[in-house]
C-alpha cells in the first residue's frame, strides 16, 4: 500500500529462513522508504522490523484493543544517487 507495509505474516516453519527479509527487500526496492505499524506486545514482529533497520517514529494507544501500537520507519539509505 504505497510505502506502508500492511502486514507480513509467515508460518512459524518459515521464520529465520530469509523469507520475511526477501519480502521486505522487495518492498524497499519498489517503494524506498517504508513505514509499518506493529503492536508493542508482538515481540516477534518488533524484533524482525528492528533487526531489518526500522526505527521508532511514535508510540500510540490503539483504542479498539487498548494495546500500545508502534509506528516504525525505514529509510532506504544509499538507494538513490544524488549525482
N, C-alpha and C. Protein backbone atom coordinates (compact mmCIF):
# COMPACT_ATOMS: atom_id res chain seq x y z
N UNK A 1 0.85 -1.17 0.00
CA UNK A 1 0.00 0.00 0.00
C UNK A 1 0.90 1.23 0.00
N UNK A 2 1.41 1.58 -1.15
CA UNK A 2 2.37 2.69 -1.20
C UNK A 2 3.61 2.31 -0.44
N UNK A 3 4.05 3.20 0.45
CA UNK A 3 5.24 2.86 1.24
C UNK A 3 4.85 2.29 2.60
N UNK A 4 3.54 2.01 2.78
CA UNK A 4 3.04 1.43 4.02
C UNK A 4 3.02 -0.09 3.93
N UNK A 5 3.73 -0.74 4.83
CA UNK A 5 3.70 -2.20 4.90
C UNK A 5 2.43 -2.57 5.66
N UNK A 6 1.46 -3.18 4.99
CA UNK A 6 0.21 -3.53 5.64
C UNK A 6 0.41 -4.62 6.67
N UNK A 7 1.10 -5.67 6.31
CA UNK A 7 1.36 -6.77 7.23
C UNK A 7 2.24 -7.81 6.54
N UNK A 8 3.03 -8.47 7.35
CA UNK A 8 3.80 -9.64 6.88
C UNK A 8 3.59 -10.71 7.94
N UNK A 9 2.98 -11.79 7.53
CA UNK A 9 2.78 -12.92 8.44
C UNK A 9 3.33 -14.17 7.77
N UNK A 10 4.17 -14.87 8.49
CA UNK A 10 4.73 -16.11 7.99
C UNK A 10 4.41 -17.23 8.97
N UNK A 11 4.16 -18.40 8.44
CA UNK A 11 4.00 -19.56 9.32
C UNK A 11 5.33 -19.78 10.04
N UNK A 12 5.27 -20.19 11.30
CA UNK A 12 6.50 -20.35 12.07
C UNK A 12 7.57 -21.21 11.39
N UNK A 13 7.17 -22.19 10.59
CA UNK A 13 8.19 -23.02 9.94
C UNK A 13 9.03 -22.23 8.94
N UNK A 14 8.58 -21.03 8.55
CA UNK A 14 9.33 -20.19 7.62
C UNK A 14 10.11 -19.08 8.31
N UNK A 15 10.01 -18.98 9.65
CA UNK A 15 10.77 -17.97 10.39
C UNK A 15 12.26 -18.27 10.29
N UNK A 16 13.05 -17.22 10.26
CA UNK A 16 14.52 -17.31 10.26
C UNK A 16 15.07 -18.04 9.05
N UNK A 17 14.35 -17.99 7.94
CA UNK A 17 14.83 -18.62 6.71
C UNK A 17 15.05 -17.59 5.60
N UNK A 18 14.90 -16.30 5.93
CA UNK A 18 15.13 -15.25 4.94
C UNK A 18 13.92 -14.86 4.11
N UNK A 19 12.78 -15.49 4.37
CA UNK A 19 11.58 -15.20 3.59
C UNK A 19 11.06 -13.79 3.88
N UNK A 20 10.94 -13.46 5.17
CA UNK A 20 10.47 -12.13 5.54
C UNK A 20 11.41 -11.04 5.04
N UNK A 21 12.70 -11.28 5.16
CA UNK A 21 13.69 -10.31 4.67
C UNK A 21 13.55 -10.13 3.16
N UNK A 22 13.34 -11.22 2.43
CA UNK A 22 13.19 -11.13 0.98
C UNK A 22 11.95 -10.30 0.63
N UNK A 23 10.87 -10.48 1.38
CA UNK A 23 9.66 -9.69 1.13
C UNK A 23 9.90 -8.21 1.42
N UNK A 24 10.60 -7.92 2.51
CA UNK A 24 10.90 -6.52 2.84
C UNK A 24 11.87 -5.91 1.83
N UNK A 25 12.84 -6.70 1.38
CA UNK A 25 13.78 -6.21 0.36
C UNK A 25 13.03 -5.82 -0.90
N UNK A 26 12.05 -6.63 -1.30
CA UNK A 26 11.26 -6.33 -2.49
C UNK A 26 10.43 -5.06 -2.30
N UNK A 27 9.79 -4.93 -1.13
CA UNK A 27 9.00 -3.73 -0.84
C UNK A 27 9.90 -2.50 -0.85
N UNK A 28 11.07 -2.61 -0.26
CA UNK A 28 12.01 -1.49 -0.21
C UNK A 28 12.50 -1.14 -1.61
N UNK A 29 12.77 -2.14 -2.45
CA UNK A 29 13.22 -1.89 -3.81
C UNK A 29 12.14 -1.18 -4.63
N UNK A 30 10.90 -1.52 -4.37
CA UNK A 30 9.78 -0.90 -5.10
C UNK A 30 9.41 0.48 -4.60
N UNK A 31 9.53 0.69 -3.27
CA UNK A 31 8.98 1.91 -2.69
C UNK A 31 9.97 2.77 -1.91
N UNK A 32 11.21 2.32 -1.74
CA UNK A 32 12.19 3.12 -0.99
C UNK A 32 11.88 3.12 0.49
N UNK A 33 11.68 4.31 1.06
CA UNK A 33 11.38 4.43 2.48
C UNK A 33 10.07 3.71 2.79
N UNK A 34 10.02 3.06 3.95
CA UNK A 34 8.84 2.28 4.33
C UNK A 34 8.38 2.66 5.73
N UNK A 35 7.10 2.44 6.00
CA UNK A 35 6.55 2.58 7.33
C UNK A 35 5.65 1.40 7.63
N UNK A 36 5.54 1.06 8.92
CA UNK A 36 4.71 -0.06 9.35
C UNK A 36 4.22 0.22 10.77
N UNK A 37 3.08 -0.33 11.11
CA UNK A 37 2.60 -0.29 12.48
C UNK A 37 2.57 -1.72 13.01
N UNK A 38 3.02 -1.88 14.25
CA UNK A 38 3.07 -3.20 14.88
C UNK A 38 2.74 -3.02 16.36
N UNK A 39 2.01 -3.98 16.91
CA UNK A 39 1.71 -3.93 18.33
C UNK A 39 2.99 -4.13 19.13
N UNK A 40 3.17 -3.35 20.17
CA UNK A 40 4.36 -3.43 21.01
C UNK A 40 4.53 -4.83 21.60
N UNK A 41 3.42 -5.48 21.92
CA UNK A 41 3.48 -6.82 22.51
C UNK A 41 3.84 -7.91 21.50
N UNK A 42 3.86 -7.57 20.22
CA UNK A 42 4.24 -8.53 19.17
C UNK A 42 5.76 -8.61 19.13
N UNK A 43 6.32 -9.38 20.05
CA UNK A 43 7.79 -9.43 20.18
C UNK A 43 8.47 -9.97 18.93
N UNK A 44 7.87 -10.92 18.26
CA UNK A 44 8.47 -11.48 17.05
C UNK A 44 8.48 -10.42 15.94
N UNK A 45 7.35 -9.76 15.74
CA UNK A 45 7.27 -8.72 14.71
C UNK A 45 8.19 -7.55 14.99
N UNK A 46 8.19 -7.08 16.24
CA UNK A 46 9.06 -5.96 16.61
C UNK A 46 10.52 -6.32 16.38
N UNK A 47 10.92 -7.49 16.83
CA UNK A 47 12.32 -7.91 16.66
C UNK A 47 12.69 -7.96 15.18
N UNK A 48 11.79 -8.49 14.35
CA UNK A 48 12.06 -8.57 12.91
C UNK A 48 12.26 -7.18 12.31
N UNK A 49 11.32 -6.27 12.58
CA UNK A 49 11.41 -4.93 11.98
C UNK A 49 12.64 -4.16 12.48
N UNK A 50 12.94 -4.24 13.77
CA UNK A 50 14.12 -3.55 14.28
C UNK A 50 15.40 -4.16 13.71
N UNK A 51 15.43 -5.48 13.58
CA UNK A 51 16.61 -6.14 13.01
C UNK A 51 16.79 -5.72 11.55
N UNK A 52 15.68 -5.51 10.85
CA UNK A 52 15.76 -5.10 9.44
C UNK A 52 16.28 -3.67 9.30
N UNK A 53 16.09 -2.87 10.33
CA UNK A 53 16.59 -1.49 10.29
C UNK A 53 15.52 -0.43 10.50
N UNK A 54 14.30 -0.84 10.83
CA UNK A 54 13.26 0.13 11.14
C UNK A 54 13.59 0.82 12.45
N UNK A 55 13.13 2.07 12.57
CA UNK A 55 13.32 2.85 13.78
C UNK A 55 11.97 3.35 14.26
N UNK A 56 11.86 3.54 15.57
CA UNK A 56 10.61 4.00 16.16
C UNK A 56 10.33 5.43 15.75
N UNK A 57 9.13 5.67 15.21
CA UNK A 57 8.68 7.02 14.87
C UNK A 57 7.78 7.57 15.97
N UNK A 58 6.84 6.74 16.44
CA UNK A 58 5.98 7.15 17.54
C UNK A 58 5.27 5.94 18.12
N UNK A 59 4.80 6.13 19.35
CA UNK A 59 4.05 5.08 20.04
C UNK A 59 2.70 5.68 20.43
N UNK A 60 1.64 4.96 20.12
CA UNK A 60 0.29 5.43 20.42
C UNK A 60 -0.53 4.30 21.03
N UNK A 61 -1.69 4.67 21.52
CA UNK A 61 -2.63 3.69 22.04
C UNK A 61 -3.60 3.30 20.94
N UNK A 62 -3.73 2.01 20.68
CA UNK A 62 -4.70 1.50 19.71
C UNK A 62 -6.03 1.39 20.46
N UNK A 63 -6.90 2.37 20.26
CA UNK A 63 -8.14 2.48 21.03
C UNK A 63 -8.99 1.20 21.03
N UNK A 64 -9.19 0.54 19.86
CA UNK A 64 -10.07 -0.64 19.87
C UNK A 64 -9.60 -1.78 20.77
N UNK A 65 -8.28 -1.92 20.92
CA UNK A 65 -7.75 -3.04 21.70
C UNK A 65 -7.15 -2.63 23.04
N UNK A 66 -6.84 -1.34 23.19
CA UNK A 66 -6.17 -0.88 24.40
C UNK A 66 -4.69 -1.22 24.44
N UNK A 67 -4.13 -1.68 23.33
CA UNK A 67 -2.72 -2.06 23.27
C UNK A 67 -1.87 -0.91 22.72
N UNK A 68 -0.60 -0.91 23.09
CA UNK A 68 0.33 0.08 22.56
C UNK A 68 0.69 -0.31 21.12
N UNK A 69 0.69 0.69 20.25
CA UNK A 69 0.98 0.50 18.84
C UNK A 69 2.21 1.31 18.48
N UNK A 70 3.17 0.66 17.84
CA UNK A 70 4.40 1.33 17.41
C UNK A 70 4.32 1.64 15.92
N UNK A 71 4.64 2.87 15.57
CA UNK A 71 4.79 3.24 14.15
C UNK A 71 6.29 3.29 13.90
N UNK A 72 6.74 2.47 12.96
CA UNK A 72 8.16 2.34 12.66
C UNK A 72 8.43 2.84 11.25
N UNK A 73 9.63 3.36 11.04
CA UNK A 73 10.03 3.83 9.72
C UNK A 73 11.37 3.26 9.32
N UNK A 74 11.49 3.00 8.03
CA UNK A 74 12.74 2.51 7.45
C UNK A 74 13.16 3.50 6.38
N UNK A 75 14.37 4.01 6.49
CA UNK A 75 14.89 4.92 5.48
C UNK A 75 15.83 4.15 4.57
N UNK A 76 15.53 4.21 3.28
CA UNK A 76 16.33 3.48 2.28
C UNK A 76 17.62 4.24 2.02
N UNK A 77 18.57 4.08 2.93
CA UNK A 77 19.86 4.76 2.81
C UNK A 77 20.63 4.26 1.60
N UNK A 78 21.18 5.18 0.86
CA UNK A 78 22.04 4.81 -0.25
C UNK A 78 21.32 4.23 -1.44
N UNK A 79 19.99 4.26 -1.43
CA UNK A 79 19.24 3.68 -2.55
C UNK A 79 19.15 4.64 -3.73
N UNK A 80 19.37 5.90 -3.48
CA UNK A 80 19.19 6.90 -4.54
C UNK A 80 20.48 7.68 -4.74
N UNK A 81 20.81 7.92 -5.97
CA UNK A 81 22.01 8.69 -6.29
C UNK A 81 21.67 10.17 -6.32
N UNK A 82 22.56 10.99 -5.75
CA UNK A 82 22.35 12.44 -5.78
C UNK A 82 23.17 13.09 -6.87
N UNK A 83 23.86 12.30 -7.68
CA UNK A 83 24.70 12.83 -8.75
C UNK A 83 23.91 12.97 -10.02
